[in-house]
Amino acid sequence: MGSITDWLGGLSGPVVYAVVFALVFAEDALFVGFVVPGETAVVLGGVLASQGKVSV
């Protein structure tokens, strides 16, 4: 899990927002929640926001 947050943390803010949005969108609209859980992406976004890498 640390490597994923390190990878996302190395990206710029708008790219992080786009990745989190795309994962949540894929789960909710495209019904790929079995493969790509959107809640995990939201939690990772929250972790990055708590570290100050992106803004809520």
PDB file of N, CA and C in Angstrom:
ATOM      1  N   MET A   1       0.836  -1.189   0.000  1.00  0.00           N
ATOM      2  CA  MET A   1       0.000   0.000   0.000  1.00  0.00           C
ATOM      3  C   MET A   1       0.873   1.242   0.000  1.00  0.00           C
ATOM      4  N   GLY A   2       2.003   1.176   0.649  1.00  0.00           N
ATOM      5  CA  GLY A   2       2.897   2.325   0.692  1.00  0.00           C
ATOM      6  C   GLY A   2       3.439   2.698  -0.671  1.00  0.00           C
ATOM      7  N   SER A   3       3.678   1.714  -1.507  1.00  0.00           N
ATOM      8  CA  SER A   3       4.203   2.018  -2.835  1.00  0.00           C
ATOM      9  C   SER A   3       3.158   2.726  -3.696  1.00  0.00           C
ATOM     10  N   ILE A   4       1.884   2.389  -3.498  1.00  0.00           N
ATOM     11  CA  ILE A   4       0.820   3.049  -4.264  1.00  0.00           C
ATOM     12  C   ILE A   4       0.696   4.503  -3.839  1.00  0.00           C
ATOM     13  N   THR A   5       0.729   4.760  -2.525  1.00  0.00           N
ATOM     14  CA  THR A   5       0.629   6.146  -2.069  1.00  0.00           C
ATOM     15  C   THR A   5       1.871   6.931  -2.464  1.00  0.00           C
ATOM     16  N   ASP A   6       3.033   6.281  -2.479  1.00  0.00           N
ATOM     17  CA  ASP A   6       4.245   6.968  -2.937  1.00  0.00           C
ATOM     18  C   ASP A   6       4.142   7.327  -4.414  1.00  0.00           C
ATOM     19  N   TRP A   7       3.612   6.396  -5.213  1.00  0.00           N
ATOM     20  CA  TRP A   7       3.445   6.654  -6.642  1.00  0.00           C
ATOM     21  C   TRP A   7       2.453   7.789  -6.871  1.00  0.00           C
ATOM     22  N   LEU A   8       1.296   7.722  -6.203  1.00  0.00           N
ATOM     23  CA  LEU A   8       0.306   8.788  -6.358  1.00  0.00           C
ATOM     24  C   LEU A   8       0.820  10.109  -5.796  1.00  0.00           C
ATOM     25  N   GLY A   9       1.577  10.048  -4.703  1.00  0.00           N
ATOM     26  CA  GLY A   9       2.120  11.258  -4.103  1.00  0.00           C
ATOM     27  C   GLY A   9       3.127  11.955  -4.992  1.00  0.00           C
ATOM     28  N   GLY A  10       3.766  11.212  -5.889  1.00  0.00           N
ATOM     29  CA  GLY A  10       4.727  11.794  -6.804  1.00  0.00           C
ATOM     30  C   GLY A  10       4.078  12.495  -7.988  1.00  0.00           C
ATOM     31  N   LEU A  11       2.791  12.286  -8.165  1.00  0.00           N
ATOM     32  CA  LEU A  11       2.074  12.916  -9.273  1.00  0.00           C
ATOM     33  C   LEU A  11       1.626  14.314  -8.872  1.00  0.00           C
ATOM     34  N   SER A  12       1.304  15.121  -9.863  1.00  0.00           N
ATOM     35  CA  SER A  12       0.799  16.461  -9.564  1.00  0.00           C
ATOM     36  C   SER A  12      -0.640  16.371  -9.070  1.00  0.00           C
ATOM     37  N   GLY A  13      -1.105  17.400  -8.398  1.00  0.00           N
ATOM     38  CA  GLY A  13      -2.437  17.425  -7.813  1.00  0.00           C
ATOM     39  C   GLY A  13      -3.559  17.107  -8.779  1.00  0.00           C
ATOM     40  N   PRO A  14      -3.619  17.777  -9.932  1.00  0.00           N
ATOM     41  CA  PRO A  14      -4.709  17.478 -10.875  1.00  0.00           C
ATOM     42  C   PRO A  14      -4.700  16.032 -11.384  1.00  0.00           C
ATOM     43  N   VAL A  15      -3.517  15.451 -11.521  1.00  0.00           N
ATOM     44  CA  VAL A  15      -3.441  14.064 -11.981  1.00  0.00           C
ATOM     45  C   VAL A  15      -3.962  13.123 -10.896  1.00  0.00           C
ATOM     46  N   VAL A  16      -3.652  13.410  -9.638  1.00  0.00           N
ATOM     47  CA  VAL A  16      -4.177  12.604  -8.533  1.00  0.00           C
ATOM     48  C   VAL A  16      -5.693  12.681  -8.514  1.00  0.00           C
ATOM     49  N   TYR A  17      -6.237  13.887  -8.667  1.00  0.00           N
ATOM     50  CA  TYR A  17      -7.693  14.035  -8.706  1.00  0.00           C
ATOM     51  C   TYR A  17      -8.283  13.226  -9.854  1.00  0.00           C
ATOM     52  N   ALA A  18      -7.644  13.251 -11.008  1.00  0.00           N
ATOM     53  CA  ALA A  18      -8.144  12.528 -12.179  1.00  0.00           C
ATOM     54  C   ALA A  18      -8.101  11.018 -11.956  1.00  0.00           C
ATOM     55  N   VAL A  19      -7.040  10.516 -11.336  1.00  0.00           N
ATOM     56  CA  VAL A  19      -6.924   9.082 -11.076  1.00  0.00           C
ATOM     57  C   VAL A  19      -8.008   8.640 -10.093  1.00  0.00           C
ATOM     58  N   VAL A  20      -8.177   9.388  -9.006  1.00  0.00           N
ATOM     59  CA  VAL A  20      -9.207   9.035  -8.023  1.00  0.00           C
ATOM     60  C   VAL A  20     -10.588   9.106  -8.667  1.00  0.00           C
ATOM     61  N   PHE A  21     -10.852  10.156  -9.433  1.00  0.00           N
ATOM     62  CA  PHE A  21     -12.140  10.287 -10.115  1.00  0.00           C
ATOM     63  C   PHE A  21     -12.377   9.123 -11.073  1.00  0.00           C
ATOM     64  N   ALA A  22     -11.355   8.774 -11.852  1.00  0.00           N
ATOM     65  CA  ALA A  22     -11.514   7.702 -12.838  1.00  0.00           C
ATOM     66  C   ALA A  22     -11.816   6.367 -12.168  1.00  0.00           C
ATOM     67  N   LEU A  23     -11.162   6.084 -11.059  1.00  0.00           N
ATOM     68  CA  LEU A  23     -11.418   4.823 -10.366  1.00  0.00           C
ATOM     69  C   LEU A  23     -12.820   4.776  -9.775  1.00  0.00           C
ATOM     70  N   VAL A  24     -13.246   5.879  -9.168  1.00  0.00           N
ATOM     71  CA  VAL A  24     -14.596   5.920  -8.599  1.00  0.00           C
ATOM     72  C   VAL A  24     -15.638   5.864  -9.720  1.00  0.00           C
ATOM     73  N   PHE A  25     -15.405   6.586 -10.800  1.00  0.00           N
ATOM     74  CA  PHE A  25     -16.328   6.569 -11.935  1.00  0.00           C
ATOM     75  C   PHE A  25     -16.425   5.170 -12.533  1.00  0.00           C
ATOM     76  N   ALA A  26     -15.283   4.494 -12.667  1.00  0.00           N
ATOM     77  CA  ALA A  26     -15.279   3.148 -13.244  1.00  0.00           C
ATOM     78  C   ALA A  26     -16.093   2.191 -12.382  1.00  0.00           C
ATOM     79  N   GLU A  27     -16.006   2.353 -11.074  1.00  0.00           N
ATOM     80  CA  GLU A  27     -16.772   1.471 -10.196  1.00  0.00           C
ATOM     81  C   GLU A  27     -18.267   1.759 -10.293  1.00  0.00           C
ATOM     82  N   ASP A  28     -18.640   3.017 -10.232  1.00  0.00           N
ATOM     83  CA  ASP A  28     -20.054   3.381 -10.152  1.00  0.00           C
ATOM     84  C   ASP A  28     -20.769   3.352 -11.503  1.00  0.00           C
ATOM     85  N   ALA A  29     -20.160   3.854 -12.530  1.00  0.00           N
ATOM     86  CA  ALA A  29     -20.847   3.980 -13.810  1.00  0.00           C
ATOM     87  C   ALA A  29     -20.597   2.795 -14.744  1.00  0.00           C
ATOM     88  N   LEU A  30     -19.423   2.223 -14.667  1.00  0.00           N
ATOM     89  CA  LEU A  30     -19.086   1.140 -15.585  1.00  0.00           C
ATOM     90  C   LEU A  30     -19.194  -0.244 -14.941  1.00  0.00           C
ATOM     91  N   PHE A  31     -19.522  -0.264 -13.647  1.00  0.00           N
ATOM     92  CA  PHE A  31     -19.731  -1.510 -12.898  1.00  0.00           C
ATOM     93  C   PHE A  31     -18.520  -2.439 -12.918  1.00  0.00           C
ATOM     94  N   VAL A  32     -17.338  -1.877 -12.744  1.00  0.00           N
ATOM     95  CA  VAL A  32     -16.140  -2.698 -12.626  1.00  0.00           C
ATOM     96  C   VAL A  32     -15.666  -2.708 -11.169  1.00  0.00           C
ATOM     97  N   GLY A  33     -16.594  -2.585 -10.244  1.00  0.00           N
ATOM     98  CA  GLY A  33     -16.263  -2.546  -8.828  1.00  0.00           C
ATOM     99  C   GLY A  33     -15.663  -3.834  -8.303  1.00  0.00           C
ATOM    100  N   PHE A  34     -15.900  -4.906  -9.020  1.00  0.00           N
ATOM    101  CA  PHE A  34     -15.308  -6.169  -8.592  1.00  0.00           C
ATOM    102  C   PHE A  34     -13.815  -6.197  -8.853  1.00  0.00           C
ATOM    103  N   VAL A  35     -13.378  -5.455  -9.847  1.00  0.00           N
ATOM    104  CA  VAL A  35     -11.963  -5.426 -10.219  1.00  0.00           C
ATOM    105  C   VAL A  35     -11.265  -4.212  -9.619  1.00  0.00           C
ATOM    106  N   VAL A  36     -11.908  -3.054  -9.692  1.00  0.00           N
ATOM    107  CA  VAL A  36     -11.327  -1.798  -9.228  1.00  0.00           C
ATOM    108  C   VAL A  36     -12.262  -1.182  -8.194  1.00  0.00           C
ATOM    109  N   PRO A  37     -11.997  -1.398  -6.905  1.00  0.00           N
ATOM    110  CA  PRO A  37     -12.890  -0.821  -5.895  1.00  0.00           C
ATOM    111  C   PRO A  37     -12.696   0.689  -5.758  1.00  0.00           C
ATOM    112  N   GLY A  38     -13.756   1.451  -5.919  1.00  0.00           N
ATOM    113  CA  GLY A  38     -13.684   2.901  -5.841  1.00  0.00           C
ATOM    114  C   GLY A  38     -13.437   3.415  -4.443  1.00  0.00           C
ATOM    115  N   GLU A  39     -13.915   2.664  -3.431  1.00  0.00           N
ATOM    116  CA  GLU A  39     -13.695   3.108  -2.052  1.00  0.00           C
ATOM    117  C   GLU A  39     -12.214   3.157  -1.713  1.00  0.00           C
ATOM    118  N   THR A  40     -11.458   2.227  -2.246  1.00  0.00           N
ATOM    119  CA  THR A  40     -10.012   2.222  -2.008  1.00  0.00           C
ATOM    120  C   THR A  40      -9.370   3.468  -2.587  1.00  0.00           C
ATOM    121  N   ALA A  41      -9.806   3.884  -3.750  1.00  0.00           N
ATOM    122  CA  ALA A  41      -9.267   5.093  -4.369  1.00  0.00           C
ATOM    123  C   ALA A  41      -9.595   6.319  -3.532  1.00  0.00           C
ATOM    124  N   VAL A  42     -10.801   6.368  -2.984  1.00  0.00           N
ATOM    125  CA  VAL A  42     -11.185   7.510  -2.155  1.00  0.00           C
ATOM    126  C   VAL A  42     -10.360   7.538  -0.875  1.00  0.00           C
ATOM    127  N   VAL A  43     -10.121   6.377  -0.278  1.00  0.00           N
ATOM    128  CA  VAL A  43      -9.293   6.316   0.927  1.00  0.00           C
ATOM    129  C   VAL A  43      -7.866   6.751   0.614  1.00  0.00           C
ATOM    130  N   LEU A  44      -7.329   6.300  -0.514  1.00  0.00           N
ATOM    131  CA  LEU A  44      -5.975   6.732  -0.901  1.00  0.00           C
ATOM    132  C   LEU A  44      -5.921   8.237  -1.136  1.00  0.00           C
ATOM    133  N   GLY A  45      -6.964   8.788  -1.747  1.00  0.00           N
ATOM    134  CA  GLY A  45      -7.027  10.240  -1.909  1.00  0.00           C
ATOM    135  C   GLY A  45      -7.050  10.950  -0.568  1.00  0.00           C
ATOM    136  N   GLY A  46      -7.775  10.390   0.388  1.00  0.00           N
ATOM    137  CA  GLY A  46      -7.808  10.969   1.732  1.00  0.00           C
ATOM    138  C   GLY A  46      -6.461  10.900   2.424  1.00  0.00           C
ATOM    139  N   VAL A  47      -5.745   9.801   2.223  1.00  0.00           N
ATOM    140  CA  VAL A  47      -4.406   9.677   2.805  1.00  0.00           C
ATOM    141  C   VAL A  47      -3.482  10.735   2.226  1.00  0.00           C
ATOM    142  N   LEU A  48      -3.539  10.927   0.925  1.00  0.00           N
ATOM    143  CA  LEU A  48      -2.698  11.948   0.300  1.00  0.00           C
ATOM    144  C   LEU A  48      -3.084  13.348   0.759  1.00  0.00           C
ATOM    145  N   ALA A  49      -4.371  13.574   0.974  1.00  0.00           N
ATOM    146  CA  ALA A  49      -4.797  14.884   1.481  1.00  0.00           C
ATOM    147  C   ALA A  49      -4.317  15.096   2.915  1.00  0.00           C
ATOM    148  N   SER A  50      -4.326  14.036   3.725  1.00  0.00           N
ATOM    149  CA  SER A  50      -3.852  14.197   5.105  1.00  0.00           C
ATOM    150  C   SER A  50      -2.341  14.440   5.164  1.00  0.00           C
ATOM    151  N   GLN A  51      -1.629  13.977   4.154  1.00  0.00           N
ATOM    152  CA  GLN A  51      -0.181  14.206   4.077  1.00  0.00           C
ATOM    153  C   GLN A  51       0.143  15.561   3.464  1.00  0.00           C
ATOM    154  N   GLY A  52      -0.866  16.284   2.995  1.00  0.00           N
ATOM    155  CA  GLY A  52      -0.646  17.609   2.434  1.00  0.00           C
ATOM    156  C   GLY A  52      -0.219  17.604   0.973  1.00  0.00           C
ATOM    157  N   LYS A  53      -0.313  16.458   0.303  1.00  0.00           N
ATOM    158  CA  LYS A  53       0.114  16.388  -1.093  1.00  0.00           C
ATOM    159  C   LYS A  53      -0.948  16.908  -2.035  1.00  0.00           C
ATOM    160  N   VAL A  54      -2.221  16.796  -1.657  1.00  0.00           N
ATOM    161  CA  VAL A  54      -3.335  17.372  -2.401  1.00  0.00           C
ATOM    162  C   VAL A  54      -4.283  18.019  -1.405  1.00  0.00           C
ATOM    163  N   SER A  55      -5.169  18.820  -1.905  1.00  0.00           N
ATOM    164  CA  SER A  55      -6.140  19.502  -1.051  1.00  0.00           C
ATOM    165  C   SER A  55      -7.482  18.801  -1.163  1.00  0.00           C
ATOM    166  N   VAL A  56      -8.199  18.779  -0.050  1.00  0.00           N
ATOM    167  CA  VAL A  56      -9.534  18.186  -0.088  1.00  0.00           C
ATOM    168  C   VAL A  56     -10.428  19.119  -0.858  1.00  0.00           C
TER     169      VAL A  56
END
